[in-house]
Amino acid sequence: MDLENKVVLVTGGSAGLGEQICYEAAKKGAIVVTCARRIQLLGKVKEQCTQLSGREAHAFQLDVSDPTSVFSLLEKVQAEVGPIDVLVNNAGFGIFEDFLTFDLEKARNMFEVNILGMMTLTQQVAIQMAENRQGHIINVASMAGKMATAKSTVYSATKFAVLGFSNALRLEMKPFNVSVTTVNPGPIRTEFFDKADPSGDYLDKLGLIVLEPQKLAQSIVRAMQRPRREINQPAVMEIAARFYTLFPQLGDYLAGGIFNKK
C-alpha cells in the first residue's frame, strides 16, 4: 500500500511508540489521526505530523475503555477526515506485581483498555473496511503474550487475548481484502515502565534487548506498505518464544531466569 493520502489512525498516539508511529506514517505522506486520553500532548504530535507529511493531521481525545468515547471518536473521524485505511491499536498499559496481592480492580481496567476497548473500536472500523473491501488493522500485543514471566500475570493475560483475537480476526477479514498484523515487542524504552515498574530498575537490567520506539515504529510502518502476519522483536526474544512453544520446560526456565528481570 502506498501510504500517501491514506488515513492512518493510531490510538495511544500521544507519546512513546504510538507517537513515533504517527511520525513515521506522516513521513510517508499519510493523513495521520492521533488519539489518546492526554489531549494536552496531542497538539504537538498533530503539528509535527502536519509538518512531516505536508497534509493536515488530526488529533482527538479518546478513552478507549469507554465505548461512548470510542463511538464519539468514530463519528468525528467520519465527519472530518473520512474512511480509515489503517488502524493501529496501540493504546494499552501494564502493571508488574505479584498476583497474590494484585488489585483486581486494576486488572479489570487493564482488560478494558488492552482488549475490550480495542475490540469495540476494531469492530466498528472493521465493518467499514469490509464494506470498502480494503484496509489494514495492526494490533500491538507483546512478547508477554507469547512467553509469560512472573509478575506479568494480568498483563500477559491481556496480551494473550490480543493474540488470539488477532489470529481469528485475520482469518475472518481475509475474504474482505483486509490485512491484520500483530506486533509483539519485548520491552520498549518508553514511559510505559513508569507505571509498569515504578522502581525504574527493569529496563536497566535488560540491557541490549530493550527496543527503541522509533526503530520499531519504522518496522510497523513498513508493514503498512507490505502487510505481514506478525512483527516480533527483538530477535532473541522471538527465538525464546518459539522455544517456549516447542519445549515448554525449557521455556519455563528461560522465562523464569534469563528473561525474568522484574
Protein backbone atom coordinates (compact mmCIF):
# COMPACT_ATOMS: atom_id res chain seq x y z
CA MET A 1 0.00 0.00 0.00
CA ASP A 2 1.21 3.48 -0.87
CA LEU A 3 0.52 5.49 2.29
CA GLU A 4 0.28 8.82 0.51
CA ASN A 5 -3.09 10.40 1.43
CA LYS A 6 -4.14 7.25 3.31
CA VAL A 7 -5.86 7.79 6.66
CA VAL A 8 -3.86 6.18 9.48
CA LEU A 9 -5.48 6.22 12.93
CA VAL A 10 -3.23 5.50 15.92
CA THR A 11 -4.52 5.02 19.46
CA GLY A 12 -2.20 5.80 22.34
CA GLY A 13 -0.60 8.32 19.99
CA SER A 14 0.42 10.99 22.48
CA ALA A 15 3.81 9.53 23.45
CA GLY A 16 6.14 6.55 23.18
CA LEU A 17 5.64 4.02 20.40
CA GLY A 18 2.32 5.49 19.29
CA GLU A 19 3.84 8.93 18.84
CA GLN A 20 6.70 7.50 16.76
CA ILE A 21 4.28 5.50 14.58
CA CYS A 22 2.44 8.75 13.85
CA TYR A 23 5.68 10.45 12.76
CA GLU A 24 6.87 7.56 10.60
CA ALA A 25 3.49 7.30 8.86
CA ALA A 26 3.47 11.06 8.27
CA LYS A 27 6.90 10.81 6.62
CA LYS A 28 5.28 8.50 4.06
CA GLY A 29 2.60 11.08 3.26
CA ALA A 30 -0.21 9.60 5.34
CA ILE A 31 -3.05 11.64 6.84
CA VAL A 32 -2.44 10.88 10.49
CA VAL A 33 -5.19 10.76 13.11
CA THR A 34 -3.64 10.57 16.56
CA CYS A 35 -5.80 9.67 19.57
CA ALA A 36 -5.14 9.43 23.30
CA ARG A 37 -6.58 10.35 26.68
CA ARG A 38 -3.98 13.05 27.29
CA ILE A 39 -5.33 15.70 24.94
CA GLN A 40 -2.71 18.19 26.16
CA LEU A 41 0.03 16.15 24.48
CA LEU A 42 -1.70 15.56 21.16
CA GLY A 43 -1.29 19.10 19.80
CA LYS A 44 2.47 18.67 19.48
CA VAL A 45 2.07 15.32 17.70
CA LYS A 46 -0.53 16.73 15.32
CA GLU A 47 1.64 19.72 14.44
CA GLN A 48 4.72 17.58 13.85
CA CYS A 49 2.78 15.16 11.64
CA THR A 50 1.44 18.04 9.55
CA GLN A 51 4.98 19.32 9.01
CA LEU A 52 6.33 15.89 8.11
CA SER A 53 3.55 14.93 5.69
CA GLY A 54 2.59 18.28 4.22
CA ARG A 55 -1.01 17.24 4.90
CA GLU A 56 -3.36 18.23 7.67
CA ALA A 57 -3.12 15.83 10.60
CA HIS A 58 -5.86 15.38 13.20
CA ALA A 59 -5.95 14.85 16.95
CA PHE A 60 -8.87 13.61 19.04
CA GLN A 61 -9.21 12.72 22.68
CA LEU A 62 -10.03 9.05 23.25
CA ASP A 63 -10.55 6.90 26.30
CA VAL A 64 -10.54 3.50 24.63
CA SER A 65 -12.01 1.86 27.75
CA ASP A 66 -15.19 3.96 27.36
CA PRO A 67 -17.49 2.85 24.50
CA THR A 68 -19.11 6.30 24.40
CA SER A 69 -15.70 7.86 23.79
CA VAL A 70 -14.97 5.30 21.06
CA PHE A 71 -18.21 5.98 19.18
CA SER A 72 -17.75 9.74 19.55
CA LEU A 73 -14.27 9.46 18.06
CA LEU A 74 -15.51 7.47 15.07
CA GLU A 75 -18.26 10.00 14.38
CA LYS A 76 -15.72 12.84 14.37
CA VAL A 77 -13.29 10.95 12.14
CA GLN A 78 -16.05 10.07 9.68
CA ALA A 79 -17.24 13.68 9.54
CA GLU A 80 -13.88 15.46 9.47
CA VAL A 81 -11.43 13.02 7.89
CA GLY A 82 -13.11 10.12 6.09
CA PRO A 83 -12.75 6.33 5.99
CA ILE A 84 -9.86 4.80 7.94
CA ASP A 85 -7.35 2.93 5.80
CA VAL A 86 -5.04 1.75 8.58
CA LEU A 87 -5.99 1.27 12.23
CA VAL A 88 -3.17 0.90 14.77
CA ASN A 89 -4.42 -0.33 18.14
CA ASN A 90 -1.52 0.80 20.28
CA ALA A 91 -3.21 2.06 23.46
CA GLY A 92 -2.52 -0.09 26.49
CA PHE A 93 -0.76 -0.29 29.83
CA GLY A 94 0.74 -2.85 32.19
CA ILE A 95 1.38 -3.30 35.88
CA PHE A 96 4.01 -5.76 37.06
CA GLU A 97 3.09 -7.07 40.51
CA ASP A 98 2.69 -10.42 42.24
CA PHE A 99 -0.76 -11.82 41.52
CA LEU A 100 -1.40 -12.84 45.13
CA THR A 101 -1.56 -9.18 46.12
CA PHE A 102 -2.78 -7.75 42.79
CA ASP A 103 -5.66 -5.25 42.97
CA LEU A 104 -8.30 -6.88 40.75
CA GLU A 105 -9.94 -3.52 40.06
CA LYS A 106 -6.72 -2.61 38.28
CA ALA A 107 -6.95 -5.93 36.45
CA ARG A 108 -10.44 -5.09 35.20
CA ASN A 109 -9.24 -1.72 33.99
CA MET A 110 -6.32 -3.34 32.19
CA PHE A 111 -8.69 -5.68 30.34
CA GLU A 112 -11.00 -2.77 29.49
CA VAL A 113 -8.14 -0.84 27.90
CA ASN A 114 -5.91 -3.55 26.45
CA ILE A 115 -8.54 -5.84 24.95
CA LEU A 116 -12.23 -4.92 25.40
CA GLY A 117 -11.90 -1.29 24.33
CA MET A 118 -9.65 -2.29 21.47
CA MET A 119 -12.27 -4.80 20.31
CA THR A 120 -15.02 -2.16 20.42
CA LEU A 121 -13.03 0.22 18.22
CA THR A 122 -11.81 -2.53 15.91
CA GLN A 123 -15.28 -3.93 15.27
CA GLN A 124 -16.63 -0.61 14.03
CA VAL A 125 -13.60 0.09 11.85
CA ALA A 126 -13.57 -3.49 10.52
CA ILE A 127 -17.20 -3.17 9.42
CA GLN A 128 -16.28 -0.11 7.39
CA MET A 129 -13.20 -1.78 5.92
CA ALA A 130 -15.18 -4.87 4.96
CA GLU A 131 -17.69 -2.68 3.15
CA ASN A 132 -14.88 -0.91 1.29
CA ARG A 133 -13.06 -4.22 0.75
CA GLN A 134 -9.72 -2.81 1.79
CA GLY A 135 -7.83 -1.87 4.92
CA HIS A 136 -5.23 -2.91 7.45
CA ILE A 137 -5.61 -3.48 11.19
CA ILE A 138 -2.47 -3.52 13.31
CA ASN A 139 -2.76 -4.71 16.91
CA VAL A 140 0.13 -4.06 19.29
CA ALA A 141 0.34 -7.10 21.56
CA SER A 142 3.55 -8.11 23.34
CA MET A 143 6.11 -10.83 23.73
CA ALA A 144 4.42 -11.20 27.13
CA GLY A 145 1.53 -12.71 25.17
CA LYS A 146 3.82 -15.43 23.85
CA MET A 147 6.10 -16.02 26.81
CA ALA A 148 4.74 -15.02 30.21
CA THR A 149 7.02 -14.21 33.12
CA ALA A 150 6.48 -13.79 36.84
CA LYS A 151 4.72 -10.58 37.93
CA SER A 152 3.16 -10.19 34.47
CA THR A 153 0.15 -12.43 35.13
CA VAL A 154 -2.58 -9.92 34.33
CA TYR A 155 -0.68 -8.05 31.62
CA SER A 156 0.25 -11.31 29.91
CA ALA A 157 -3.37 -12.45 30.08
CA THR A 158 -4.50 -9.33 28.21
CA LYS A 159 -1.83 -9.77 25.55
CA PHE A 160 -2.56 -13.49 25.10
CA ALA A 161 -6.12 -12.30 24.46
CA VAL A 162 -4.94 -9.76 21.87
CA LEU A 163 -3.02 -12.50 20.07
CA GLY A 164 -5.96 -14.90 20.00
CA PHE A 165 -8.32 -12.16 18.86
CA SER A 166 -5.95 -11.05 16.11
CA ASN A 167 -5.33 -14.55 14.79
CA ALA A 168 -9.05 -15.24 14.43
CA LEU A 169 -9.81 -11.79 13.04
CA ARG A 170 -7.13 -12.24 10.39
CA LEU A 171 -8.98 -15.27 9.02
CA GLU A 172 -12.36 -13.53 9.13
CA MET A 173 -11.14 -10.41 7.36
CA LYS A 174 -9.13 -12.13 4.63
CA PRO A 175 -12.14 -12.55 2.27
CA PHE A 176 -12.70 -8.79 2.50
CA ASN A 177 -9.11 -7.95 1.46
CA VAL A 178 -8.36 -6.57 4.93
CA SER A 179 -5.00 -7.43 6.49
CA VAL A 180 -4.39 -8.00 10.21
CA THR A 181 -0.90 -7.68 11.67
CA THR A 182 0.09 -8.41 15.25
CA VAL A 183 3.08 -6.59 16.74
CA ASN A 184 4.81 -8.46 19.55
CA PRO A 185 7.54 -6.30 21.03
CA GLY A 186 9.69 -7.02 24.00
CA PRO A 187 10.43 -4.15 26.41
CA ILE A 188 10.50 -0.72 24.75
CA ARG A 189 12.28 2.32 26.12
CA THR A 190 9.14 4.38 26.77
CA GLU A 191 7.19 5.79 29.71
CA PHE A 192 5.18 2.53 29.76
CA PHE A 193 7.55 1.40 32.50
CA ASP A 194 6.88 4.47 34.63
CA LYS A 195 3.61 2.74 35.55
CA ALA A 196 4.54 -0.89 34.98
CA ASP A 197 7.72 -0.74 37.06
CA PRO A 198 7.92 2.40 39.24
CA SER A 199 11.26 1.24 40.68
CA GLY A 200 12.89 2.09 37.35
CA ASP A 201 15.27 -0.88 37.51
CA TYR A 202 13.70 -3.20 34.95
CA LEU A 203 14.97 -1.60 31.72
CA ASP A 204 18.46 -1.18 33.16
CA LYS A 205 18.64 -4.90 33.96
CA LEU A 206 17.64 -5.91 30.42
CA GLY A 207 20.43 -4.06 28.67
CA LEU A 208 20.75 -4.53 24.92
CA ILE A 209 17.41 -6.29 24.33
CA VAL A 210 15.45 -3.10 25.09
CA LEU A 211 13.86 -1.74 21.91
CA GLU A 212 13.98 1.87 20.74
CA PRO A 213 10.49 3.12 19.83
CA GLN A 214 11.48 4.89 16.63
CA LYS A 215 13.10 1.80 15.11
CA LEU A 216 10.11 -0.37 15.98
CA ALA A 217 7.78 2.28 14.56
CA GLN A 218 9.70 2.15 11.29
CA SER A 219 9.14 -1.61 11.10
CA ILE A 220 5.42 -1.15 11.77
CA VAL A 221 5.04 1.49 9.06
CA ARG A 222 6.91 -0.69 6.58
CA ALA A 223 4.34 -3.39 7.35
CA MET A 224 1.58 -0.93 6.45
CA GLN A 225 3.07 -0.78 2.98
CA ARG A 226 3.70 -4.51 2.73
CA PRO A 227 1.46 -6.34 5.22
CA ARG A 228 2.96 -9.02 7.43
CA ARG A 229 1.30 -11.53 9.72
CA GLU A 230 3.44 -10.61 12.72
CA ILE A 231 6.29 -8.37 13.80
CA ASN A 232 8.33 -9.96 16.58
CA GLN A 233 11.20 -8.04 18.18
CA PRO A 234 13.87 -8.33 19.46
CA ALA A 235 15.05 -11.43 17.60
CA VAL A 236 16.44 -13.09 20.73
CA MET A 237 13.04 -12.97 22.40
CA GLU A 238 11.31 -14.27 19.27
CA ILE A 239 13.63 -17.29 19.31
CA ALA A 240 12.99 -17.77 23.02
CA ALA A 241 9.23 -17.61 22.42
CA ARG A 242 9.49 -20.31 19.76
CA PHE A 243 11.43 -22.50 22.18
CA TYR A 244 8.76 -21.76 24.78
CA THR A 245 6.14 -23.29 22.48
CA LEU A 246 8.20 -26.24 21.28
CA PHE A 247 9.96 -27.04 24.53
CA PRO A 248 7.74 -25.89 27.43
CA GLN A 249 10.07 -26.95 30.22
CA LEU A 250 13.00 -25.11 28.66
CA GLY A 251 10.63 -22.22 28.04
CA ASP A 252 9.77 -22.05 31.73
CA TYR A 253 13.48 -22.00 32.52
CA LEU A 254 14.10 -19.11 30.13
CA ALA A 255 11.03 -17.18 31.27
CA GLY A 256 11.87 -17.71 34.92
CA GLY A 257 15.54 -16.91 34.55
CA ILE A 258 17.16 -15.07 31.68
CA PHE A 259 14.10 -13.02 30.75
CA ASN A 260 12.75 -12.55 34.28
CA LYS A 261 14.26 -9.28 35.48
CA LYS A 262 11.28 -7.84 37.32
